[in-house]
Each structure stands twice: as C-alpha cells, then as structure tokens.
N, C-alpha and C. Protein backbone atom coordinates (compact mmCIF):
# COMPACT_ATOMS: atom_id res chain seq x y z
N UNK A 1 11.16 -43.54 -66.22
CA UNK A 1 11.30 -42.65 -65.09
C UNK A 1 9.94 -42.54 -64.40
N UNK A 2 9.96 -42.60 -63.08
CA UNK A 2 8.73 -42.54 -62.29
C UNK A 2 8.34 -41.08 -62.06
N UNK A 3 7.05 -40.73 -62.23
CA UNK A 3 6.64 -39.34 -62.00
C UNK A 3 6.79 -38.98 -60.52
N UNK A 4 7.14 -37.73 -60.28
CA UNK A 4 7.30 -37.26 -58.90
C UNK A 4 5.95 -37.30 -58.19
N UNK A 5 5.99 -37.69 -56.94
CA UNK A 5 4.77 -37.74 -56.14
C UNK A 5 4.29 -36.32 -55.88
N UNK A 6 2.99 -36.14 -55.94
CA UNK A 6 2.39 -34.84 -55.69
C UNK A 6 2.40 -34.56 -54.19
N UNK A 7 2.90 -33.42 -53.79
CA UNK A 7 2.97 -33.05 -52.38
C UNK A 7 1.55 -32.95 -51.82
N UNK A 8 1.35 -33.39 -50.58
CA UNK A 8 0.02 -33.24 -49.98
C UNK A 8 -0.33 -31.79 -49.72
N UNK A 9 0.64 -30.91 -49.85
CA UNK A 9 0.42 -29.49 -49.61
C UNK A 9 0.16 -28.72 -50.90
N UNK A 10 0.23 -29.39 -52.04
CA UNK A 10 0.13 -28.72 -53.35
C UNK A 10 -1.18 -27.96 -53.53
N UNK A 11 -2.25 -28.47 -53.00
CA UNK A 11 -3.55 -27.81 -53.16
C UNK A 11 -3.59 -26.46 -52.45
N UNK A 12 -2.66 -26.24 -51.55
CA UNK A 12 -2.61 -25.00 -50.76
C UNK A 12 -1.63 -23.98 -51.33
N UNK A 13 -1.01 -24.27 -52.46
CA UNK A 13 0.02 -23.39 -53.01
C UNK A 13 -0.43 -21.94 -53.15
N UNK A 14 -1.56 -21.70 -53.77
CA UNK A 14 -2.03 -20.33 -53.98
C UNK A 14 -2.27 -19.61 -52.65
N UNK A 15 -2.86 -20.32 -51.71
CA UNK A 15 -3.11 -19.73 -50.39
C UNK A 15 -1.81 -19.25 -49.77
N UNK A 16 -0.79 -20.10 -49.79
CA UNK A 16 0.46 -19.74 -49.14
C UNK A 16 1.27 -18.73 -49.93
N UNK A 17 1.09 -18.66 -51.24
CA UNK A 17 1.72 -17.59 -52.01
C UNK A 17 1.12 -16.25 -51.59
N UNK A 18 -0.20 -16.22 -51.45
CA UNK A 18 -0.88 -14.98 -51.07
C UNK A 18 -0.51 -14.58 -49.65
N UNK A 19 -0.64 -15.51 -48.73
CA UNK A 19 -0.41 -15.16 -47.32
C UNK A 19 1.07 -14.90 -47.03
N UNK A 20 1.95 -15.64 -47.68
CA UNK A 20 3.38 -15.41 -47.50
C UNK A 20 3.79 -14.05 -48.05
N UNK A 21 3.28 -13.70 -49.21
CA UNK A 21 3.57 -12.39 -49.80
C UNK A 21 3.04 -11.27 -48.91
N UNK A 22 1.86 -11.47 -48.36
CA UNK A 22 1.29 -10.46 -47.46
C UNK A 22 2.14 -10.31 -46.22
N UNK A 23 2.56 -11.42 -45.63
CA UNK A 23 3.42 -11.35 -44.45
C UNK A 23 4.72 -10.62 -44.73
N UNK A 24 5.32 -10.89 -45.89
CA UNK A 24 6.57 -10.24 -46.25
C UNK A 24 6.37 -8.73 -46.47
N UNK A 25 5.33 -8.36 -47.20
CA UNK A 25 5.08 -6.95 -47.47
C UNK A 25 4.76 -6.19 -46.19
N UNK A 26 3.96 -6.79 -45.33
CA UNK A 26 3.59 -6.12 -44.08
C UNK A 26 4.77 -6.02 -43.11
N UNK A 27 5.71 -6.94 -43.21
CA UNK A 27 6.93 -6.82 -42.41
C UNK A 27 7.65 -5.53 -42.79
N UNK A 28 7.77 -5.28 -44.08
CA UNK A 28 8.41 -4.05 -44.54
C UNK A 28 7.67 -2.81 -44.07
N UNK A 29 6.35 -2.86 -44.11
CA UNK A 29 5.57 -1.71 -43.66
C UNK A 29 5.73 -1.47 -42.16
N UNK A 30 5.94 -2.54 -41.40
CA UNK A 30 6.15 -2.37 -39.96
C UNK A 30 7.43 -1.59 -39.70
N UNK A 31 8.43 -1.76 -40.56
CA UNK A 31 9.65 -0.97 -40.41
C UNK A 31 9.34 0.52 -40.59
N UNK A 32 8.42 0.84 -41.49
CA UNK A 32 8.00 2.23 -41.67
C UNK A 32 7.31 2.74 -40.42
N UNK A 33 6.46 1.92 -39.82
CA UNK A 33 5.77 2.30 -38.59
C UNK A 33 6.78 2.62 -37.48
N UNK A 34 7.77 1.77 -37.33
CA UNK A 34 8.80 1.99 -36.31
C UNK A 34 9.56 3.29 -36.61
N UNK A 35 9.86 3.53 -37.87
CA UNK A 35 10.56 4.76 -38.25
C UNK A 35 9.71 5.99 -37.94
N UNK A 36 8.40 5.92 -38.20
CA UNK A 36 7.51 7.03 -37.88
C UNK A 36 7.52 7.31 -36.38
N UNK A 37 7.52 6.24 -35.60
CA UNK A 37 7.55 6.40 -34.16
C UNK A 37 8.84 7.03 -33.70
N UNK A 38 9.94 6.72 -34.36
CA UNK A 38 11.24 7.27 -33.98
C UNK A 38 11.32 8.76 -34.29
N UNK A 39 10.61 9.20 -35.32
CA UNK A 39 10.63 10.62 -35.68
C UNK A 39 9.81 11.47 -34.73
N UNK A 40 8.76 10.90 -34.18
CA UNK A 40 7.90 11.67 -33.29
C UNK A 40 8.36 11.58 -31.85
N UNK A 41 7.56 12.13 -30.99
CA UNK A 41 7.88 12.07 -29.57
C UNK A 41 7.00 11.04 -28.87
N UNK A 42 6.63 10.01 -29.59
CA UNK A 42 5.80 8.97 -29.00
C UNK A 42 6.54 8.31 -27.84
N UNK A 43 5.77 7.94 -26.82
CA UNK A 43 6.36 7.26 -25.68
C UNK A 43 6.94 5.94 -26.15
N UNK A 44 8.27 5.84 -26.11
CA UNK A 44 8.90 4.61 -26.54
C UNK A 44 10.15 4.38 -25.72
N UNK A 45 10.24 3.21 -25.24
CA UNK A 45 11.42 2.74 -24.53
C UNK A 45 11.75 1.40 -25.16
N UNK A 46 12.93 0.88 -24.90
CA UNK A 46 13.22 -0.46 -25.44
C UNK A 46 12.18 -1.50 -24.98
N UNK A 47 11.66 -1.34 -23.77
CA UNK A 47 10.67 -2.29 -23.27
C UNK A 47 9.36 -2.19 -24.06
N UNK A 48 8.94 -0.95 -24.36
CA UNK A 48 7.70 -0.74 -25.10
C UNK A 48 7.84 -1.28 -26.52
N UNK A 49 8.97 -0.99 -27.17
CA UNK A 49 9.19 -1.51 -28.53
C UNK A 49 9.28 -3.03 -28.50
N UNK A 50 9.95 -3.59 -27.49
CA UNK A 50 10.07 -5.03 -27.37
C UNK A 50 8.75 -5.72 -27.09
N UNK A 51 7.83 -5.02 -26.43
CA UNK A 51 6.53 -5.60 -26.10
C UNK A 51 5.50 -5.38 -27.20
N UNK A 52 5.60 -4.27 -27.92
CA UNK A 52 4.53 -3.93 -28.86
C UNK A 52 4.98 -3.79 -30.32
N UNK A 53 6.23 -3.49 -30.59
CA UNK A 53 6.67 -3.32 -31.97
C UNK A 53 7.31 -4.55 -32.56
N UNK A 54 8.32 -5.05 -31.90
CA UNK A 54 9.06 -6.22 -32.40
C UNK A 54 8.17 -7.45 -32.59
N UNK A 55 7.25 -7.75 -31.66
CA UNK A 55 6.41 -8.94 -31.87
C UNK A 55 5.59 -8.89 -33.16
N UNK A 56 5.20 -7.70 -33.58
CA UNK A 56 4.44 -7.59 -34.83
C UNK A 56 5.29 -8.07 -36.00
N UNK A 57 6.55 -7.67 -36.03
CA UNK A 57 7.46 -8.13 -37.09
C UNK A 57 7.64 -9.65 -36.99
N UNK A 58 7.79 -10.16 -35.78
CA UNK A 58 7.96 -11.60 -35.58
C UNK A 58 6.74 -12.36 -36.09
N UNK A 59 5.53 -11.87 -35.81
CA UNK A 59 4.32 -12.57 -36.27
C UNK A 59 4.21 -12.55 -37.80
N UNK A 60 4.53 -11.41 -38.42
CA UNK A 60 4.53 -11.36 -39.88
C UNK A 60 5.56 -12.33 -40.45
N UNK A 61 6.73 -12.38 -39.84
CA UNK A 61 7.77 -13.31 -40.30
C UNK A 61 7.36 -14.75 -40.08
N UNK A 62 6.61 -15.02 -39.01
CA UNK A 62 6.11 -16.38 -38.76
C UNK A 62 5.15 -16.80 -39.88
N UNK A 63 4.31 -15.87 -40.32
CA UNK A 63 3.41 -16.16 -41.45
C UNK A 63 4.22 -16.50 -42.69
N UNK A 64 5.24 -15.71 -42.95
CA UNK A 64 6.11 -15.96 -44.11
C UNK A 64 6.80 -17.32 -43.97
N UNK A 65 7.26 -17.64 -42.77
CA UNK A 65 7.93 -18.92 -42.54
C UNK A 65 6.98 -20.10 -42.71
N UNK A 66 5.77 -19.99 -42.19
CA UNK A 66 4.77 -21.06 -42.36
C UNK A 66 4.49 -21.27 -43.85
N UNK A 67 4.32 -20.17 -44.58
CA UNK A 67 4.08 -20.27 -46.02
C UNK A 67 5.26 -20.94 -46.72
N UNK A 68 6.47 -20.59 -46.33
CA UNK A 68 7.65 -21.19 -46.95
C UNK A 68 7.73 -22.67 -46.63
N UNK A 69 7.48 -23.03 -45.39
CA UNK A 69 7.54 -24.44 -45.00
C UNK A 69 6.54 -25.26 -45.80
N UNK A 70 5.32 -24.76 -45.93
CA UNK A 70 4.30 -25.54 -46.64
C UNK A 70 4.41 -25.43 -48.16
N UNK A 71 5.32 -24.62 -48.64
CA UNK A 71 5.56 -24.54 -50.08
C UNK A 71 6.77 -25.36 -50.51
N UNK A 72 7.48 -25.90 -49.54
CA UNK A 72 8.67 -26.69 -49.85
C UNK A 72 8.26 -28.07 -50.37
N UNK A 73 9.07 -28.65 -51.23
CA UNK A 73 8.74 -29.99 -51.76
C UNK A 73 9.22 -31.09 -50.80
N UNK A 74 8.49 -31.27 -49.73
CA UNK A 74 8.87 -32.27 -48.72
C UNK A 74 8.76 -33.68 -49.27
N UNK A 75 9.70 -34.52 -48.90
CA UNK A 75 9.63 -35.93 -49.28
C UNK A 75 8.80 -36.72 -48.29
N UNK A 76 8.66 -36.18 -47.07
CA UNK A 76 7.87 -36.85 -46.04
C UNK A 76 7.12 -35.81 -45.23
N UNK A 77 5.89 -36.11 -44.91
CA UNK A 77 5.07 -35.21 -44.10
C UNK A 77 5.72 -34.99 -42.73
N UNK A 78 6.42 -35.99 -42.25
CA UNK A 78 7.05 -35.88 -40.93
C UNK A 78 8.07 -34.74 -40.88
N UNK A 79 8.71 -34.45 -42.00
CA UNK A 79 9.68 -33.34 -42.04
C UNK A 79 8.96 -32.00 -41.88
N UNK A 80 7.84 -31.84 -42.56
CA UNK A 80 7.04 -30.63 -42.42
C UNK A 80 6.49 -30.53 -41.00
N UNK A 81 6.09 -31.69 -40.46
CA UNK A 81 5.58 -31.73 -39.08
C UNK A 81 6.63 -31.20 -38.11
N UNK A 82 7.85 -31.64 -38.26
CA UNK A 82 8.94 -31.21 -37.40
C UNK A 82 9.19 -29.70 -37.53
N UNK A 83 9.22 -29.22 -38.76
CA UNK A 83 9.47 -27.79 -38.99
C UNK A 83 8.34 -26.93 -38.40
N UNK A 84 7.10 -27.32 -38.64
CA UNK A 84 5.96 -26.56 -38.11
C UNK A 84 5.88 -26.65 -36.60
N UNK A 85 6.16 -27.84 -36.06
CA UNK A 85 6.17 -28.01 -34.61
C UNK A 85 7.21 -27.14 -33.95
N UNK A 86 8.38 -27.05 -34.58
CA UNK A 86 9.45 -26.20 -34.06
C UNK A 86 9.00 -24.74 -34.06
N UNK A 87 8.32 -24.32 -35.12
CA UNK A 87 7.80 -22.95 -35.19
C UNK A 87 6.78 -22.71 -34.07
N UNK A 88 5.92 -23.68 -33.83
CA UNK A 88 4.93 -23.55 -32.77
C UNK A 88 5.56 -23.41 -31.40
N UNK A 89 6.54 -24.26 -31.11
CA UNK A 89 7.24 -24.20 -29.82
C UNK A 89 7.98 -22.87 -29.67
N UNK A 90 8.69 -22.47 -30.72
CA UNK A 90 9.42 -21.20 -30.69
C UNK A 90 8.46 -20.03 -30.50
N UNK A 91 7.31 -20.07 -31.18
CA UNK A 91 6.32 -19.01 -31.05
C UNK A 91 5.76 -18.92 -29.64
N UNK A 92 5.46 -20.07 -29.04
CA UNK A 92 4.96 -20.08 -27.66
C UNK A 92 6.02 -19.49 -26.73
N UNK A 93 7.25 -19.91 -26.90
CA UNK A 93 8.33 -19.36 -26.07
C UNK A 93 8.47 -17.87 -26.25
N UNK A 94 8.35 -17.40 -27.48
CA UNK A 94 8.47 -15.97 -27.74
C UNK A 94 7.32 -15.20 -27.09
N UNK A 95 6.11 -15.73 -27.16
CA UNK A 95 4.97 -15.04 -26.54
C UNK A 95 5.17 -14.94 -25.03
N UNK A 96 5.74 -15.95 -24.41
CA UNK A 96 6.03 -15.88 -22.97
C UNK A 96 6.99 -14.72 -22.69
N UNK A 97 7.99 -14.55 -23.55
CA UNK A 97 8.92 -13.43 -23.41
C UNK A 97 8.17 -12.10 -23.57
N UNK A 98 7.27 -12.02 -24.55
CA UNK A 98 6.49 -10.80 -24.79
C UNK A 98 5.62 -10.49 -23.58
N UNK A 99 5.03 -11.51 -22.98
CA UNK A 99 4.20 -11.29 -21.79
C UNK A 99 5.04 -10.68 -20.67
N UNK A 100 6.24 -11.22 -20.48
CA UNK A 100 7.13 -10.66 -19.44
C UNK A 100 7.50 -9.22 -19.78
N UNK A 101 7.81 -8.93 -21.03
CA UNK A 101 8.15 -7.56 -21.43
C UNK A 101 6.96 -6.63 -21.21
N UNK A 102 5.78 -7.10 -21.58
CA UNK A 102 4.57 -6.28 -21.45
C UNK A 102 4.30 -5.95 -19.99
N UNK A 103 4.51 -6.91 -19.11
CA UNK A 103 4.29 -6.67 -17.68
C UNK A 103 5.27 -5.66 -17.12
N UNK A 104 6.45 -5.55 -17.72
CA UNK A 104 7.50 -4.65 -17.22
C UNK A 104 7.49 -3.26 -17.86
N UNK A 105 6.60 -3.01 -18.81
CA UNK A 105 6.62 -1.70 -19.48
C UNK A 105 6.31 -0.60 -18.49
N UNK A 106 7.04 0.48 -18.61
CA UNK A 106 6.85 1.62 -17.72
C UNK A 106 6.21 2.80 -18.44
N UNK A 107 6.48 2.96 -19.72
CA UNK A 107 6.00 4.12 -20.45
C UNK A 107 4.56 4.02 -20.91
N UNK A 108 3.97 2.86 -20.76
CA UNK A 108 2.60 2.64 -21.25
C UNK A 108 1.97 1.54 -20.42
N UNK A 109 0.74 1.76 -19.99
CA UNK A 109 0.01 0.75 -19.22
C UNK A 109 -0.92 -0.01 -20.17
N UNK A 110 -0.62 -1.27 -20.45
CA UNK A 110 -1.47 -2.04 -21.37
C UNK A 110 -2.89 -2.20 -20.85
N UNK A 111 -3.84 -2.13 -21.78
CA UNK A 111 -5.25 -2.36 -21.45
C UNK A 111 -5.64 -3.75 -21.95
N UNK A 112 -6.87 -4.16 -21.68
CA UNK A 112 -7.32 -5.51 -22.04
C UNK A 112 -7.10 -5.80 -23.52
N UNK A 113 -7.41 -4.85 -24.38
CA UNK A 113 -7.22 -5.06 -25.82
C UNK A 113 -5.76 -5.38 -26.14
N UNK A 114 -4.84 -4.69 -25.48
CA UNK A 114 -3.42 -4.96 -25.70
C UNK A 114 -3.07 -6.38 -25.28
N UNK A 115 -3.54 -6.80 -24.11
CA UNK A 115 -3.25 -8.15 -23.63
C UNK A 115 -3.80 -9.21 -24.59
N UNK A 116 -5.00 -8.95 -25.14
CA UNK A 116 -5.58 -9.92 -26.07
C UNK A 116 -4.77 -9.99 -27.36
N UNK A 117 -4.53 -8.85 -28.00
CA UNK A 117 -3.92 -8.82 -29.32
C UNK A 117 -2.42 -9.05 -29.31
N UNK A 118 -1.75 -8.68 -28.23
CA UNK A 118 -0.30 -8.83 -28.19
C UNK A 118 0.15 -10.10 -27.48
N UNK A 119 -0.74 -10.68 -26.67
CA UNK A 119 -0.33 -11.85 -25.88
C UNK A 119 -1.25 -13.06 -26.09
N UNK A 120 -2.54 -12.89 -25.84
CA UNK A 120 -3.45 -14.04 -25.87
C UNK A 120 -3.62 -14.62 -27.27
N UNK A 121 -3.96 -13.79 -28.25
CA UNK A 121 -4.20 -14.31 -29.60
C UNK A 121 -2.95 -14.93 -30.22
N UNK A 122 -1.78 -14.30 -30.08
CA UNK A 122 -0.57 -14.97 -30.60
C UNK A 122 -0.29 -16.29 -29.89
N UNK A 123 -0.50 -16.35 -28.57
CA UNK A 123 -0.29 -17.61 -27.85
C UNK A 123 -1.22 -18.69 -28.39
N UNK A 124 -2.48 -18.34 -28.60
CA UNK A 124 -3.45 -19.30 -29.16
C UNK A 124 -3.00 -19.76 -30.54
N UNK A 125 -2.53 -18.82 -31.36
CA UNK A 125 -2.10 -19.17 -32.72
C UNK A 125 -0.92 -20.14 -32.70
N UNK A 126 0.09 -19.84 -31.90
CA UNK A 126 1.26 -20.72 -31.87
C UNK A 126 0.94 -22.07 -31.23
N UNK A 127 0.06 -22.08 -30.23
CA UNK A 127 -0.35 -23.35 -29.63
C UNK A 127 -1.14 -24.18 -30.64
N UNK A 128 -1.99 -23.52 -31.44
CA UNK A 128 -2.75 -24.23 -32.48
C UNK A 128 -1.80 -24.76 -33.55
N UNK A 129 -0.77 -23.99 -33.90
CA UNK A 129 0.22 -24.44 -34.87
C UNK A 129 0.93 -25.69 -34.37
N UNK A 130 1.33 -25.67 -33.11
CA UNK A 130 1.99 -26.84 -32.53
C UNK A 130 1.04 -28.04 -32.53
N UNK A 131 -0.20 -27.83 -32.11
CA UNK A 131 -1.17 -28.93 -32.11
C UNK A 131 -1.42 -29.49 -33.49
N UNK A 132 -1.57 -28.61 -34.47
CA UNK A 132 -1.81 -29.06 -35.85
C UNK A 132 -0.59 -29.80 -36.39
N UNK A 133 0.60 -29.32 -36.03
CA UNK A 133 1.82 -30.00 -36.49
C UNK A 133 1.88 -31.41 -35.92
N UNK A 134 1.53 -31.56 -34.65
CA UNK A 134 1.57 -32.88 -34.02
C UNK A 134 0.53 -33.84 -34.61
N UNK A 135 -0.53 -33.29 -35.16
CA UNK A 135 -1.60 -34.11 -35.75
C UNK A 135 -1.47 -34.25 -37.26
N UNK A 136 -0.46 -33.65 -37.86
CA UNK A 136 -0.34 -33.58 -39.31
C UNK A 136 -0.38 -34.95 -39.98
N UNK A 137 0.34 -35.91 -39.47
CA UNK A 137 0.37 -37.24 -40.10
C UNK A 137 -0.92 -38.02 -39.85
N UNK A 138 -1.55 -37.79 -38.73
CA UNK A 138 -2.76 -38.54 -38.40
C UNK A 138 -4.02 -37.99 -39.05
N UNK A 139 -4.06 -36.66 -39.23
CA UNK A 139 -5.26 -36.03 -39.78
C UNK A 139 -4.85 -34.85 -40.66
N UNK A 140 -4.25 -35.17 -41.79
CA UNK A 140 -3.69 -34.15 -42.68
C UNK A 140 -4.70 -33.08 -43.10
N UNK A 141 -5.90 -33.44 -43.61
CA UNK A 141 -6.80 -32.39 -44.09
C UNK A 141 -7.20 -31.39 -43.01
N UNK A 142 -7.57 -31.86 -41.83
CA UNK A 142 -7.97 -30.94 -40.77
C UNK A 142 -6.78 -30.13 -40.24
N UNK A 143 -5.64 -30.77 -40.15
CA UNK A 143 -4.44 -30.07 -39.69
C UNK A 143 -4.08 -28.93 -40.63
N UNK A 144 -4.22 -29.16 -41.93
CA UNK A 144 -3.89 -28.11 -42.90
C UNK A 144 -4.83 -26.91 -42.75
N UNK A 145 -6.08 -27.15 -42.44
CA UNK A 145 -7.02 -26.04 -42.22
C UNK A 145 -6.67 -25.29 -40.94
N UNK A 146 -6.27 -26.00 -39.90
CA UNK A 146 -5.86 -25.33 -38.65
C UNK A 146 -4.60 -24.51 -38.89
N UNK A 147 -3.66 -25.03 -39.63
CA UNK A 147 -2.43 -24.29 -39.93
C UNK A 147 -2.76 -23.04 -40.74
N UNK A 148 -3.65 -23.16 -41.71
CA UNK A 148 -4.06 -22.00 -42.50
C UNK A 148 -4.75 -20.96 -41.62
N UNK A 149 -5.62 -21.40 -40.72
CA UNK A 149 -6.30 -20.47 -39.81
C UNK A 149 -5.29 -19.80 -38.88
N UNK A 150 -4.30 -20.55 -38.46
CA UNK A 150 -3.24 -19.99 -37.62
C UNK A 150 -2.47 -18.90 -38.36
N UNK A 151 -2.10 -19.18 -39.59
CA UNK A 151 -1.37 -18.18 -40.38
C UNK A 151 -2.22 -16.92 -40.56
N UNK A 152 -3.50 -17.09 -40.83
CA UNK A 152 -4.39 -15.93 -40.96
C UNK A 152 -4.52 -15.17 -39.65
N UNK A 153 -4.65 -15.90 -38.54
CA UNK A 153 -4.75 -15.24 -37.24
C UNK A 153 -3.49 -14.41 -36.97
N UNK A 154 -2.32 -14.97 -37.22
CA UNK A 154 -1.09 -14.23 -37.00
C UNK A 154 -1.00 -13.01 -37.92
N UNK A 155 -1.47 -13.16 -39.16
CA UNK A 155 -1.48 -12.03 -40.09
C UNK A 155 -2.42 -10.93 -39.58
N UNK A 156 -3.61 -11.31 -39.13
CA UNK A 156 -4.58 -10.33 -38.62
C UNK A 156 -4.09 -9.69 -37.32
N UNK A 157 -3.43 -10.48 -36.47
CA UNK A 157 -2.85 -9.92 -35.24
C UNK A 157 -1.82 -8.85 -35.61
N UNK A 158 -0.97 -9.18 -36.57
CA UNK A 158 0.04 -8.22 -37.00
C UNK A 158 -0.58 -6.96 -37.59
N UNK A 159 -1.60 -7.13 -38.42
CA UNK A 159 -2.27 -5.96 -39.02
C UNK A 159 -2.90 -5.10 -37.93
N UNK A 160 -3.60 -5.73 -37.00
CA UNK A 160 -4.22 -4.98 -35.90
C UNK A 160 -3.17 -4.22 -35.11
N UNK A 161 -2.10 -4.92 -34.75
CA UNK A 161 -1.09 -4.30 -33.90
C UNK A 161 -0.32 -3.19 -34.61
N UNK A 162 -0.08 -3.36 -35.91
CA UNK A 162 0.55 -2.29 -36.69
C UNK A 162 -0.37 -1.07 -36.76
N UNK A 163 -1.65 -1.32 -37.01
CA UNK A 163 -2.63 -0.22 -37.05
C UNK A 163 -2.70 0.48 -35.70
N UNK A 164 -2.71 -0.29 -34.64
CA UNK A 164 -2.75 0.26 -33.28
C UNK A 164 -1.55 1.16 -33.04
N UNK A 165 -0.38 0.73 -33.48
CA UNK A 165 0.84 1.53 -33.30
C UNK A 165 0.76 2.82 -34.11
N UNK A 166 0.30 2.72 -35.34
CA UNK A 166 0.20 3.92 -36.19
C UNK A 166 -0.79 4.93 -35.61
N UNK A 167 -1.94 4.46 -35.16
CA UNK A 167 -2.93 5.39 -34.59
C UNK A 167 -2.41 5.99 -33.29
N UNK A 168 -1.70 5.22 -32.49
CA UNK A 168 -1.11 5.74 -31.26
C UNK A 168 -0.12 6.85 -31.58
N UNK A 169 0.75 6.60 -32.55
CA UNK A 169 1.74 7.60 -32.96
C UNK A 169 1.05 8.85 -33.49
N UNK A 170 0.03 8.67 -34.33
CA UNK A 170 -0.69 9.81 -34.91
C UNK A 170 -1.38 10.63 -33.83
N UNK A 171 -1.99 9.96 -32.86
CA UNK A 171 -2.67 10.68 -31.79
C UNK A 171 -1.67 11.43 -30.91
N UNK A 172 -0.52 10.83 -30.67
CA UNK A 172 0.50 11.53 -29.88
C UNK A 172 1.03 12.74 -30.62
N UNK A 173 1.19 12.60 -31.93
CA UNK A 173 1.68 13.74 -32.73
C UNK A 173 0.66 14.85 -32.78
N UNK A 174 -0.62 14.51 -32.91
CA UNK A 174 -1.64 15.55 -32.99
C UNK A 174 -1.81 16.27 -31.66
N UNK A 175 -1.42 15.63 -30.56
CA UNK A 175 -1.52 16.24 -29.24
C UNK A 175 -0.33 17.15 -28.93
N UNK A 176 0.74 17.05 -29.72
CA UNK A 176 1.93 17.89 -29.50
C UNK A 176 1.61 19.32 -29.90
N UNK A 177 2.08 20.29 -29.11
CA UNK A 177 1.88 21.69 -29.50
C UNK A 177 2.69 22.01 -30.76
N UNK A 178 2.07 22.73 -31.66
CA UNK A 178 2.72 23.10 -32.91
C UNK A 178 3.43 24.44 -32.76
N UNK A 179 4.63 24.53 -33.27
CA UNK A 179 5.38 25.80 -33.26
C UNK A 179 4.77 26.73 -34.29
N UNK A 180 4.85 28.02 -34.03
CA UNK A 180 4.35 28.97 -35.04
C UNK A 180 5.10 28.76 -36.37
N UNK A 181 4.45 29.08 -37.51
CA UNK A 181 5.06 28.82 -38.82
C UNK A 181 6.45 29.42 -38.99
N UNK A 182 6.72 30.60 -38.40
CA UNK A 182 8.03 31.23 -38.59
C UNK A 182 9.12 30.58 -37.76
N UNK A 183 8.77 29.70 -36.80
CA UNK A 183 9.77 29.04 -35.97
C UNK A 183 9.95 27.57 -36.32
N UNK A 184 9.26 27.08 -37.32
CA UNK A 184 9.38 25.67 -37.71
C UNK A 184 10.67 25.46 -38.48
N UNK A 185 11.25 24.30 -38.29
CA UNK A 185 12.45 23.98 -39.06
C UNK A 185 12.02 23.37 -40.39
N UNK A 186 12.79 23.64 -41.45
CA UNK A 186 12.40 23.12 -42.78
C UNK A 186 12.53 21.62 -42.87
C-alpha cells in the first residue's frame, strides 16, 4: 500500500485550528452583541444592522470557512484554489453590497473609521484572498502566507467592528435617562 501524500497545507494545521476556532467563537459572541442592541434603545434599523452588524458575522464565518477549506484533505491544489477563489469573489461581491447599504443608512452617519473597517479593509482582504487563490499553484508558499494574513485581517476587522458596536450600544445606554428606583421594572 502506498502512503498517503502529505497535503501542502499540513504545516498550517495548527494555525487554522486556532483561527477557525476563534472565528466560530466570535461569531457566537456577535449574536450576543446583536441581542444587547435589541434590548436597548440603540439607533438600529434594518439598514444599520445590514451595514454594520451582519457583515461582522459574515467576516467571522469567512475566517471559519477559510480555515475549513485549508484543513480539508485536498487531492489537488487546484480544488483548494477554486474554493478559495470562490470565497474571494463572493466576499468582494458582499462588500459591494455592504458599501451600498452603508451609503443608504439613515439612522447613523458613517465616519472615516467606519468606511475603513466596514468597507475598505474587508474589500482588501477578499481581493487579497482572490489574488492568493489565483497564485496558489504557481507560488504556494507565498500564497499561503497571504491567505493566512487575509484570515487574520478578517478576524481583526470582525473584532474591531464587534467592539465598536458594543461601545456604541454602551454609550447610548449610558446616555439614556434613568427612571427613579421606585419606578423601574424588575
């Protein structure tokens, strides 16, 4: 019996276990952030959630998907290339949708930081993923580092955006007038 060929992605197993687990856990925490926002009187409309909340979950899930793709026992690098390239194209398309949603928000006026973290950095990440996927067969070692950097960038974008949402909700709650103790509901 011939020994199974070692996957060219095997050296990255630990990295993708860590980053995939982080993406999955942070996806769950983003659901908590959304629930906190729903309990408060934070300015939220479907457009605001679609521009600032949902993309964070999508980016965390993209990290999980990248980790899963590179942890699969591919028989050919071209199969991984196709899967990662598809993720890159889908991510770019999704960021274009987010940009349109962000431009249409009425309840909140995005500032430069919002445009960078919610639109520019994710676009760069997905474009880099697509580029690395297209170069995977020609330059495997460098492509794998670009894919890893992309996954980290998407993870950090998600962490930043989740933190931004939590602080926004907290600041809105602290600005709300408090009812006297005898009039509060239990």
